[in-house]
Amino acid sequence: MGCIEDLKPDVILSSVTFKECREFIEKSTKEVSYVEPGYRLFEEYLIGVPPIAIGVDGDFLLFPYTKPCHGTFLIRLPGNGEIERLRKERNQKGK
């Protein structure tokens, strides 16, 4: 299992709610996917209030990340293959 912190994410917002993250992502990115809690991204399972929004901003992903005892953050990371996997899974759901 990896660690999101090892990827050195850009923290866009801190101490926010999942609703605030979702609204920010919907307003600031052109491509948004929605996943359920437990979705695996960068070898980590996302936790949160569904639907969890993941935004694509060029070659970067924006998504909420919760650190127990520290709260929820909106972070930005290079997609590194996760964007294509996310798109593929979204397209498969649409069929």
PDB file of N, CA and C in Angstrom:
ATOM      1  N   MET A   1       0.846  -1.176   0.000  1.00  0.00           N
ATOM      2  CA  MET A   1       0.000   0.000   0.000  1.00  0.00           C
ATOM      3  C   MET A   1       0.890   1.236   0.000  1.00  0.00           C
ATOM      4  N   GLY A   2       0.536   2.193  -0.826  1.00  0.00           N
ATOM      5  CA  GLY A   2       1.288   3.429  -0.921  1.00  0.00           C
ATOM      6  C   GLY A   2       0.820   4.438   0.104  1.00  0.00           C
ATOM      7  N   CYS A   3       1.350   5.604   0.007  1.00  0.00           N
ATOM      8  CA  CYS A   3       0.960   6.694   0.897  1.00  0.00           C
ATOM      9  C   CYS A   3       0.816   7.949   0.051  1.00  0.00           C
ATOM     10  N   ILE A   4      -0.336   8.545   0.100  1.00  0.00           N
ATOM     11  CA  ILE A   4      -0.598   9.751  -0.682  1.00  0.00           C
ATOM     12  C   ILE A   4       0.438  10.825  -0.369  1.00  0.00           C
ATOM     13  N   GLU A   5       0.812  10.955   0.880  1.00  0.00           N
ATOM     14  CA  GLU A   5       1.781  11.992   1.259  1.00  0.00           C
ATOM     15  C   GLU A   5       3.127  11.802   0.572  1.00  0.00           C
ATOM     16  N   ASP A   6       3.494  10.548   0.269  1.00  0.00           N
ATOM     17  CA  ASP A   6       4.758  10.293  -0.429  1.00  0.00           C
ATOM     18  C   ASP A   6       4.734  10.861  -1.852  1.00  0.00           C
ATOM     19  N   LEU A   7       3.537  11.054  -2.415  1.00  0.00           N
ATOM     20  CA  LEU A   7       3.392  11.602  -3.764  1.00  0.00           C
ATOM     21  C   LEU A   7       3.479  13.132  -3.776  1.00  0.00           C
ATOM     22  N   LYS A   8       3.581  13.721  -2.609  1.00  0.00           N
ATOM     23  CA  LYS A   8       3.714  15.172  -2.444  1.00  0.00           C
ATOM     24  C   LYS A   8       2.598  15.955  -3.165  1.00  0.00           C
ATOM     25  N   PRO A   9       1.363  15.755  -2.719  1.00  0.00           N
ATOM     26  CA  PRO A   9       0.241  16.445  -3.361  1.00  0.00           C
ATOM     27  C   PRO A   9       0.245  17.943  -3.083  1.00  0.00           C
ATOM     28  N   ASP A  10      -0.366  18.681  -4.007  1.00  0.00           N
ATOM     29  CA  ASP A  10      -0.663  20.092  -3.767  1.00  0.00           C
ATOM     30  C   ASP A  10      -1.970  20.122  -2.985  1.00  0.00           C
ATOM     31  N   VAL A  11      -1.985  20.787  -1.848  1.00  0.00           N
ATOM     32  CA  VAL A  11      -3.207  20.926  -1.066  1.00  0.00           C
ATOM     33  C   VAL A  11      -3.923  22.180  -1.567  1.00  0.00           C
ATOM     34  N   ILE A  12      -5.110  21.965  -2.120  1.00  0.00           N
ATOM     35  CA  ILE A  12      -5.897  23.080  -2.660  1.00  0.00           C
ATOM     36  C   ILE A  12      -6.761  23.697  -1.559  1.00  0.00           C
ATOM     37  N   LEU A  13      -7.421  22.849  -0.771  1.00  0.00           N
ATOM     38  CA  LEU A  13      -8.258  23.289   0.342  1.00  0.00           C
ATOM     39  C   LEU A  13      -7.986  22.378   1.530  1.00  0.00           C
ATOM     40  N   SER A  14      -8.082  22.898   2.728  1.00  0.00           N
ATOM     41  CA  SER A  14      -7.919  22.055   3.912  1.00  0.00           C
ATOM     42  C   SER A  14      -9.060  22.303   4.885  1.00  0.00           C
ATOM     43  N   SER A  15      -9.302  21.323   5.735  1.00  0.00           N
ATOM     44  CA  SER A  15     -10.380  21.390   6.733  1.00  0.00           C
ATOM     45  C   SER A  15     -11.719  21.714   6.076  1.00  0.00           C
ATOM     46  N   VAL A  16     -12.054  20.930   5.057  1.00  0.00           N
ATOM     47  CA  VAL A  16     -13.285  21.158   4.302  1.00  0.00           C
ATOM     48  C   VAL A  16     -14.184  19.937   4.378  1.00  0.00           C
ATOM     49  N   THR A  17     -15.423  20.114   3.928  1.00  0.00           N
ATOM     50  CA  THR A  17     -16.376  19.010   3.865  1.00  0.00           C
ATOM     51  C   THR A  17     -16.312  18.364   2.484  1.00  0.00           C
ATOM     52  N   PHE A  18     -16.903  17.182   2.386  1.00  0.00           N
ATOM     53  CA  PHE A  18     -16.956  16.523   1.086  1.00  0.00           C
ATOM     54  C   PHE A  18     -17.826  17.309   0.116  1.00  0.00           C
ATOM     55  N   LYS A  19     -18.854  17.944   0.631  1.00  0.00           N
ATOM     56  CA  LYS A  19     -19.708  18.782  -0.214  1.00  0.00           C
ATOM     57  C   LYS A  19     -18.905  19.952  -0.784  1.00  0.00           C
ATOM     58  N   GLU A  20     -18.104  20.600   0.041  1.00  0.00           N
ATOM     59  CA  GLU A  20     -17.264  21.710  -0.432  1.00  0.00           C
ATOM     60  C   GLU A  20     -16.276  21.231  -1.488  1.00  0.00           C
ATOM     61  N   CYS A  21     -15.693  20.057  -1.283  1.00  0.00           N
ATOM     62  CA  CYS A  21     -14.769  19.499  -2.279  1.00  0.00           C
ATOM     63  C   CYS A  21     -15.495  19.238  -3.590  1.00  0.00           C
ATOM     64  N   ARG A  22     -16.665  18.587  -3.503  1.00  0.00           N
ATOM     65  CA  ARG A  22     -17.443  18.266  -4.700  1.00  0.00           C
ATOM     66  C   ARG A  22     -17.799  19.533  -5.468  1.00  0.00           C
ATOM     67  N   GLU A  23     -18.269  20.557  -4.760  1.00  0.00           N
ATOM     68  CA  GLU A  23     -18.641  21.820  -5.421  1.00  0.00           C
ATOM     69  C   GLU A  23     -17.440  22.482  -6.083  1.00  0.00           C
ATOM     70  N   PHE A  24     -16.306  22.501  -5.407  1.00  0.00           N
ATOM     71  CA  PHE A  24     -15.095  23.091  -5.980  1.00  0.00           C
ATOM     72  C   PHE A  24     -14.695  22.343  -7.252  1.00  0.00           C
ATOM     73  N   ILE A  25     -14.692  21.023  -7.191  1.00  0.00           N
ATOM     74  CA  ILE A  25     -14.312  20.209  -8.348  1.00  0.00           C
ATOM     75  C   ILE A  25     -15.273  20.433  -9.501  1.00  0.00           C
ATOM     76  N   GLU A  26     -16.563  20.451  -9.220  1.00  0.00           N
ATOM     77  CA  GLU A  26     -17.562  20.647 -10.282  1.00  0.00           C
ATOM     78  C   GLU A  26     -17.419  22.010 -10.950  1.00  0.00           C
ATOM     79  N   LYS A  27     -17.044  23.027 -10.194  1.00  0.00           N
ATOM     80  CA  LYS A  27     -16.910  24.376 -10.744  1.00  0.00           C
ATOM     81  C   LYS A  27     -15.576  24.615 -11.436  1.00  0.00           C
ATOM     82  N   SER A  28     -14.524  23.889 -11.025  1.00  0.00           N
ATOM     83  CA  SER A  28     -13.197  24.224 -11.518  1.00  0.00           C
ATOM     84  C   SER A  28     -12.609  23.237 -12.520  1.00  0.00           C
ATOM     85  N   THR A  29     -13.272  22.112 -12.764  1.00  0.00           N
ATOM     86  CA  THR A  29     -12.761  21.161 -13.755  1.00  0.00           C
ATOM     87  C   THR A  29     -13.848  20.857 -14.779  1.00  0.00           C
ATOM     88  N   LYS A  30     -13.423  20.554 -15.983  1.00  0.00           N
ATOM     89  CA  LYS A  30     -14.374  20.258 -17.064  1.00  0.00           C
ATOM     90  C   LYS A  30     -14.787  18.797 -17.081  1.00  0.00           C
ATOM     91  N   GLU A  31     -13.978  17.940 -16.477  1.00  0.00           N
ATOM     92  CA  GLU A  31     -14.248  16.504 -16.480  1.00  0.00           C
ATOM     93  C   GLU A  31     -14.323  16.011 -15.042  1.00  0.00           C
ATOM     94  N   VAL A  32     -15.488  15.492 -14.667  1.00  0.00           N
ATOM     95  CA  VAL A  32     -15.704  15.021 -13.301  1.00  0.00           C
ATOM     96  C   VAL A  32     -16.238  13.594 -13.340  1.00  0.00           C
ATOM     97  N   SER A  33     -15.676  12.749 -12.506  1.00  0.00           N
ATOM     98  CA  SER A  33     -16.188  11.396 -12.305  1.00  0.00           C
ATOM     99  C   SER A  33     -16.629  11.288 -10.859  1.00  0.00           C
ATOM    100  N   TYR A  34     -17.606  10.430 -10.624  1.00  0.00           N
ATOM    101  CA  TYR A  34     -18.113  10.220  -9.274  1.00  0.00           C
ATOM    102  C   TYR A  34     -17.891   8.764  -8.896  1.00  0.00           C
ATOM    103  N   VAL A  35     -17.335   8.553  -7.720  1.00  0.00           N
ATOM    104  CA  VAL A  35     -17.054   7.201  -7.251  1.00  0.00           C
ATOM    105  C   VAL A  35     -17.655   7.022  -5.858  1.00  0.00           C
ATOM    106  N   GLU A  36     -17.752   5.775  -5.484  1.00  0.00           N
ATOM    107  CA  GLU A  36     -18.259   5.437  -4.160  1.00  0.00           C
ATOM    108  C   GLU A  36     -17.093   5.325  -3.178  1.00  0.00           C
ATOM    109  N   PRO A  37     -17.375   5.484  -1.888  1.00  0.00           N
ATOM    110  CA  PRO A  37     -16.332   5.249  -0.890  1.00  0.00           C
ATOM    111  C   PRO A  37     -15.746   3.847  -1.089  1.00  0.00           C
ATOM    112  N   GLY A  38     -14.460   3.737  -0.879  1.00  0.00           N
ATOM    113  CA  GLY A  38     -13.775   2.476  -1.092  1.00  0.00           C
ATOM    114  C   GLY A  38     -13.102   2.392  -2.450  1.00  0.00           C
ATOM    115  N   TYR A  39     -13.354   3.391  -3.326  1.00  0.00           N
ATOM    116  CA  TYR A  39     -12.691   3.415  -4.629  1.00  0.00           C
ATOM    117  C   TYR A  39     -11.190   3.554  -4.390  1.00  0.00           C
ATOM    118  N   ARG A  40     -10.421   2.817  -5.144  1.00  0.00           N
ATOM    119  CA  ARG A  40      -8.966   2.809  -4.969  1.00  0.00           C
ATOM    120  C   ARG A  40      -8.313   3.761  -5.975  1.00  0.00           C
ATOM    121  N   LEU A  41      -7.517   4.677  -5.456  1.00  0.00           N
ATOM    122  CA  LEU A  41      -6.827   5.669  -6.271  1.00  0.00           C
ATOM    123  C   LEU A  41      -5.419   5.808  -5.708  1.00  0.00           C
ATOM    124  N   PHE A  42      -4.410   5.665  -6.560  1.00  0.00           N
ATOM    125  CA  PHE A  42      -3.016   5.725  -6.123  1.00  0.00           C
ATOM    126  C   PHE A  42      -2.751   4.731  -4.989  1.00  0.00           C
ATOM    127  N   GLU A  43      -3.308   3.540  -5.119  1.00  0.00           N
ATOM    128  CA  GLU A  43      -3.103   2.460  -4.139  1.00  0.00           C
ATOM    129  C   GLU A  43      -3.725   2.751  -2.776  1.00  0.00           C
ATOM    130  N   GLU A  44      -4.574   3.751  -2.675  1.00  0.00           N
ATOM    131  CA  GLU A  44      -5.244   4.097  -1.420  1.00  0.00           C
ATOM    132  C   GLU A  44      -6.750   4.022  -1.623  1.00  0.00           C
ATOM    133  N   TYR A  45      -7.456   3.593  -0.603  1.00  0.00           N
ATOM    134  CA  TYR A  45      -8.911   3.566  -0.643  1.00  0.00           C
ATOM    135  C   TYR A  45      -9.452   4.902  -0.177  1.00  0.00           C
ATOM    136  N   LEU A  46     -10.326   5.505  -0.992  1.00  0.00           N
ATOM    137  CA  LEU A  46     -10.927   6.780  -0.626  1.00  0.00           C
ATOM    138  C   LEU A  46     -12.077   6.537   0.343  1.00  0.00           C
ATOM    139  N   ILE A  47     -12.168   7.387   1.325  1.00  0.00           N
ATOM    140  CA  ILE A  47     -13.291   7.342   2.243  1.00  0.00           C
ATOM    141  C   ILE A  47     -14.019   8.666   2.144  1.00  0.00           C
ATOM    142  N   GLY A  48     -15.304   8.658   2.476  1.00  0.00           N
ATOM    143  CA  GLY A  48     -16.044   9.901   2.443  1.00  0.00           C
ATOM    144  C   GLY A  48     -17.512   9.712   2.195  1.00  0.00           C
ATOM    145  N   VAL A  49     -18.188  10.830   2.031  1.00  0.00           N
ATOM    146  CA  VAL A  49     -19.619  10.865   1.801  1.00  0.00           C
ATOM    147  C   VAL A  49     -19.864  10.792   0.297  1.00  0.00           C
ATOM    148  N   PRO A  50     -20.636   9.782  -0.155  1.00  0.00           N
ATOM    149  CA  PRO A  50     -20.874   9.653  -1.596  1.00  0.00           C
ATOM    150  C   PRO A  50     -21.837  10.719  -2.101  1.00  0.00           C
ATOM    151  N   PRO A  51     -21.742  11.041  -3.375  1.00  0.00           N
ATOM    152  CA  PRO A  51     -20.728  10.571  -4.310  1.00  0.00           C
ATOM    153  C   PRO A  51     -19.435  11.371  -4.139  1.00  0.00           C
ATOM    154  N   ILE A  52     -18.318  10.707  -4.233  1.00  0.00           N
ATOM    155  CA  ILE A  52     -17.020  11.360  -4.137  1.00  0.00           C
ATOM    156  C   ILE A  52     -16.625  11.813  -5.540  1.00  0.00           C
ATOM    157  N   ALA A  53     -16.428  13.116  -5.699  1.00  0.00           N
ATOM    158  CA  ALA A  53     -16.077  13.687  -7.000  1.00  0.00           C
ATOM    159  C   ALA A  53     -14.562  13.636  -7.192  1.00  0.00           C
ATOM    160  N   ILE A  54     -14.166  13.255  -8.413  1.00  0.00           N
ATOM    161  CA  ILE A  54     -12.764  13.296  -8.820  1.00  0.00           C
ATOM    162  C   ILE A  54     -12.718  14.113 -10.102  1.00  0.00           C
ATOM    163  N   GLY A  55     -11.959  15.191 -10.098  1.00  0.00           N
ATOM    164  CA  GLY A  55     -11.876  16.057 -11.265  1.00  0.00           C
ATOM    165  C   GLY A  55     -10.577  15.867 -12.024  1.00  0.00           C
ATOM    166  N   VAL A  56     -10.683  15.966 -13.351  1.00  0.00           N
ATOM    167  CA  VAL A  56      -9.501  15.908 -14.207  1.00  0.00           C
ATOM    168  C   VAL A  56      -9.211  17.323 -14.680  1.00  0.00           C
ATOM    169  N   ASP A  57      -7.992  17.778 -14.415  1.00  0.00           N
ATOM    170  CA  ASP A  57      -7.550  19.116 -14.790  1.00  0.00           C
ATOM    171  C   ASP A  57      -6.253  18.957 -15.576  1.00  0.00           C
ATOM    172  N   GLY A  58      -6.374  18.788 -16.894  1.00  0.00           N
ATOM    173  CA  GLY A  58      -5.200  18.520 -17.711  1.00  0.00           C
ATOM    174  C   GLY A  58      -4.649  17.145 -17.381  1.00  0.00           C
ATOM    175  N   ASP A  59      -3.411  17.098 -16.929  1.00  0.00           N
ATOM    176  CA  ASP A  59      -2.781  15.830 -16.542  1.00  0.00           C
ATOM    177  C   ASP A  59      -2.851  15.588 -15.036  1.00  0.00           C
ATOM    178  N   PHE A  60      -3.705  16.328 -14.352  1.00  0.00           N
ATOM    179  CA  PHE A  60      -3.790  16.235 -12.899  1.00  0.00           C
ATOM    180  C   PHE A  60      -5.176  15.790 -12.453  1.00  0.00           C
ATOM    181  N   LEU A  61      -5.229  15.179 -11.277  1.00  0.00           N
ATOM    182  CA  LEU A  61      -6.473  14.798 -10.634  1.00  0.00           C
ATOM    183  C   LEU A  61      -6.674  15.647  -9.388  1.00  0.00           C
ATOM    184  N   LEU A  62      -7.913  16.062  -9.178  1.00  0.00           N
ATOM    185  CA  LEU A  62      -8.297  16.738  -7.939  1.00  0.00           C
ATOM    186  C   LEU A  62      -9.294  15.834  -7.237  1.00  0.00           C
ATOM    187  N   PHE A  63      -9.080  15.585  -5.953  1.00  0.00           N
ATOM    188  CA  PHE A  63     -10.002  14.743  -5.219  1.00  0.00           C
ATOM    189  C   PHE A  63      -9.854  14.984  -3.721  1.00  0.00           C
ATOM    190  N   PRO A  64     -10.921  14.664  -2.963  1.00  0.00           N
ATOM    191  CA  PRO A  64     -10.845  14.816  -1.516  1.00  0.00           C
ATOM    192  C   PRO A  64     -10.076  13.652  -0.917  1.00  0.00           C
ATOM    193  N   TYR A  65      -9.302  13.954   0.087  1.00  0.00           N
ATOM    194  CA  TYR A  65      -8.549  12.920   0.782  1.00  0.00           C
ATOM    195  C   TYR A  65      -8.666  13.190   2.273  1.00  0.00           C
ATOM    196  N   THR A  66      -9.074  12.177   3.006  1.00  0.00           N
ATOM    197  CA  THR A  66      -9.258  12.311   4.444  1.00  0.00           C
ATOM    198  C   THR A  66      -8.146  11.609   5.187  1.00  0.00           C
ATOM    199  N   LYS A  67      -7.539  12.337   6.086  1.00  0.00           N
ATOM    200  CA  LYS A  67      -6.538  11.774   6.994  1.00  0.00           C
ATOM    201  C   LYS A  67      -7.210  11.691   8.358  1.00  0.00           C
ATOM    202  N   PRO A  68      -7.413  10.471   8.861  1.00  0.00           N
ATOM    203  CA  PRO A  68      -8.043  10.355  10.180  1.00  0.00           C
ATOM    204  C   PRO A  68      -7.342  11.251  11.202  1.00  0.00           C
ATOM    205  N   CYS A  69      -8.126  11.892  12.007  1.00  0.00           N
ATOM    206  CA  CYS A  69      -7.663  12.822  13.052  1.00  0.00           C
ATOM    207  C   CYS A  69      -7.147  14.150  12.496  1.00  0.00           C
ATOM    208  N   HIS A  70      -7.088  14.308  11.172  1.00  0.00           N
ATOM    209  CA  HIS A  70      -6.604  15.565  10.590  1.00  0.00           C
ATOM    210  C   HIS A  70      -7.652  16.233   9.713  1.00  0.00           C
ATOM    211  N   GLY A  71      -8.655  15.502   9.270  1.00  0.00           N
ATOM    212  CA  GLY A  71      -9.718  16.075   8.468  1.00  0.00           C
ATOM    213  C   GLY A  71      -9.584  15.789   6.988  1.00  0.00           C
ATOM    214  N   THR A  72     -10.394  16.506   6.237  1.00  0.00           N
ATOM    215  CA  THR A  72     -10.471  16.304   4.788  1.00  0.00           C
ATOM    216  C   THR A  72      -9.792  17.451   4.062  1.00  0.00           C
ATOM    217  N   PHE A  73      -9.060  17.084   3.020  1.00  0.00           N
ATOM    218  CA  PHE A  73      -8.321  18.024   2.193  1.00  0.00           C
ATOM    219  C   PHE A  73      -8.720  17.802   0.743  1.00  0.00           C
ATOM    220  N   LEU A  74      -8.704  18.841  -0.055  1.00  0.00           N
ATOM    221  CA  LEU A  74      -8.824  18.703  -1.508  1.00  0.00           C
ATOM    222  C   LEU A  74      -7.399  18.771  -2.032  1.00  0.00           C
ATOM    223  N   ILE A  75      -6.978  17.691  -2.705  1.00  0.00           N
ATOM    224  CA  ILE A  75      -5.598  17.644  -3.173  1.00  0.00           C
ATOM    225  C   ILE A  75      -5.531  17.500  -4.686  1.00  0.00           C
ATOM    226  N   ARG A  76      -4.360  17.824  -5.220  1.00  0.00           N
ATOM    227  CA  ARG A  76      -4.097  17.765  -6.665  1.00  0.00           C
ATOM    228  C   ARG A  76      -2.811  16.987  -6.869  1.00  0.00           C
ATOM    229  N   LEU A  77      -2.894  15.957  -7.752  1.00  0.00           N
ATOM    230  CA  LEU A  77      -1.740  15.108  -8.054  1.00  0.00           C
ATOM    231  C   LEU A  77      -1.665  14.823  -9.549  1.00  0.00           C
ATOM    232  N   PRO A  78      -0.466  14.605 -10.086  1.00  0.00           N
ATOM    233  CA  PRO A  78      -0.364  14.150 -11.474  1.00  0.00           C
ATOM    234  C   PRO A  78      -1.119  12.833 -11.642  1.00  0.00           C
ATOM    235  N   GLY A  79      -1.807  12.687 -12.769  1.00  0.00           N
ATOM    236  CA  GLY A  79      -2.647  11.518 -13.012  1.00  0.00           C
ATOM    237  C   GLY A  79      -1.922  10.199 -13.102  1.00  0.00           C
ATOM    238  N   ASN A  80      -0.740  10.173 -13.705  1.00  0.00           N
ATOM    239  CA  ASN A  80       0.091   8.968 -13.773  1.00  0.00           C
ATOM    240  C   ASN A  80      -0.685   7.683 -14.042  1.00  0.00           C
ATOM    241  N   GLY A  81      -1.481   7.634 -15.086  1.00  0.00           N
ATOM    242  CA  GLY A  81      -2.207   6.424 -15.447  1.00  0.00           C
ATOM    243  C   GLY A  81      -3.557   6.290 -14.773  1.00  0.00           C
ATOM    244  N   GLU A  82      -3.766   6.979 -13.676  1.00  0.00           N
ATOM    245  CA  GLU A  82      -5.045   6.898 -12.977  1.00  0.00           C
ATOM    246  C   GLU A  82      -6.164   7.557 -13.771  1.00  0.00           C
ATOM    247  N   ILE A  83      -5.838   8.567 -14.561  1.00  0.00           N
ATOM    248  CA  ILE A  83      -6.866   9.249 -15.352  1.00  0.00           C
ATOM    249  C   ILE A  83      -7.469   8.287 -16.367  1.00  0.00           C
ATOM    250  N   GLU A  84      -6.626   7.558 -17.077  1.00  0.00           N
ATOM    251  CA  GLU A  84      -7.136   6.617 -18.082  1.00  0.00           C
ATOM    252  C   GLU A  84      -7.950   5.497 -17.443  1.00  0.00           C
ATOM    253  N   ARG A  85      -7.513   5.000 -16.299  1.00  0.00           N
ATOM    254  CA  ARG A  85      -8.254   3.953 -15.592  1.00  0.00           C
ATOM    255  C   ARG A  85      -9.615   4.475 -15.150  1.00  0.00           C
ATOM    256  N   LEU A  86      -9.648   5.695 -14.644  1.00  0.00           N
ATOM    257  CA  LEU A  86     -10.897   6.321 -14.215  1.00  0.00           C
ATOM    258  C   LEU A  86     -11.850   6.480 -15.390  1.00  0.00           C
ATOM    259  N   ARG A  87     -11.338   6.957 -16.519  1.00  0.00           N
ATOM    260  CA  ARG A  87     -12.172   7.123 -17.715  1.00  0.00           C
ATOM    261  C   ARG A  87     -12.712   5.786 -18.213  1.00  0.00           C
ATOM    262  N   LYS A  88     -11.863   4.790 -18.229  1.00  0.00           N
ATOM    263  CA  LYS A  88     -12.272   3.471 -18.698  1.00  0.00           C
ATOM    264  C   LYS A  88     -13.386   2.907 -17.821  1.00  0.00           C
ATOM    265  N   GLU A  89     -13.229   3.019 -16.512  1.00  0.00           N
ATOM    266  CA  GLU A  89     -14.251   2.526 -15.597  1.00  0.00           C
ATOM    267  C   GLU A  89     -15.553   3.312 -15.725  1.00  0.00           C
ATOM    268  N   ARG A  90     -15.439   4.628 -15.915  1.00  0.00           N
ATOM    269  CA  ARG A  90     -16.633   5.464 -16.089  1.00  0.00           C
ATOM    270  C   ARG A  90     -17.370   5.066 -17.361  1.00  0.00           C
ATOM    271  N   ASN A  91     -16.616   4.835 -18.452  1.00  0.00           N
ATOM    272  CA  ASN A  91     -17.231   4.439 -19.722  1.00  0.00           C
ATOM    273  C   ASN A  91     -17.896   3.074 -19.622  1.00  0.00           C
ATOM    274  N   GLN A  92     -17.307   2.160 -18.867  1.00  0.00           N
ATOM    275  CA  GLN A  92     -17.888   0.835 -18.699  1.00  0.00           C
ATOM    276  C   GLN A  92     -19.194   0.920 -17.911  1.00  0.00           C
ATOM    277  N   LYS A  93     -19.280   1.807 -16.947  1.00  0.00           N
ATOM    278  CA  LYS A  93     -20.513   1.994 -16.181  1.00  0.00           C
ATOM    279  C   LYS A  93     -21.624   2.558 -17.047  1.00  0.00           C
ATOM    280  N   GLY A  94     -21.240   3.413 -18.009  1.00  0.00           N
ATOM    281  CA  GLY A  94     -22.218   4.064 -18.871  1.00  0.00           C
ATOM    282  C   GLY A  94     -22.877   3.131 -19.861  1.00  0.00           C
ATOM    283  N   LYS A  95     -22.323   1.952 -20.041  1.00  0.00           N
ATOM    284  CA  LYS A  95     -22.875   1.005 -21.013  1.00  0.00           C
ATOM    285  C   LYS A  95     -23.951   0.146 -20.414  1.00  0.00           C
TER     286      LYS A  95
END
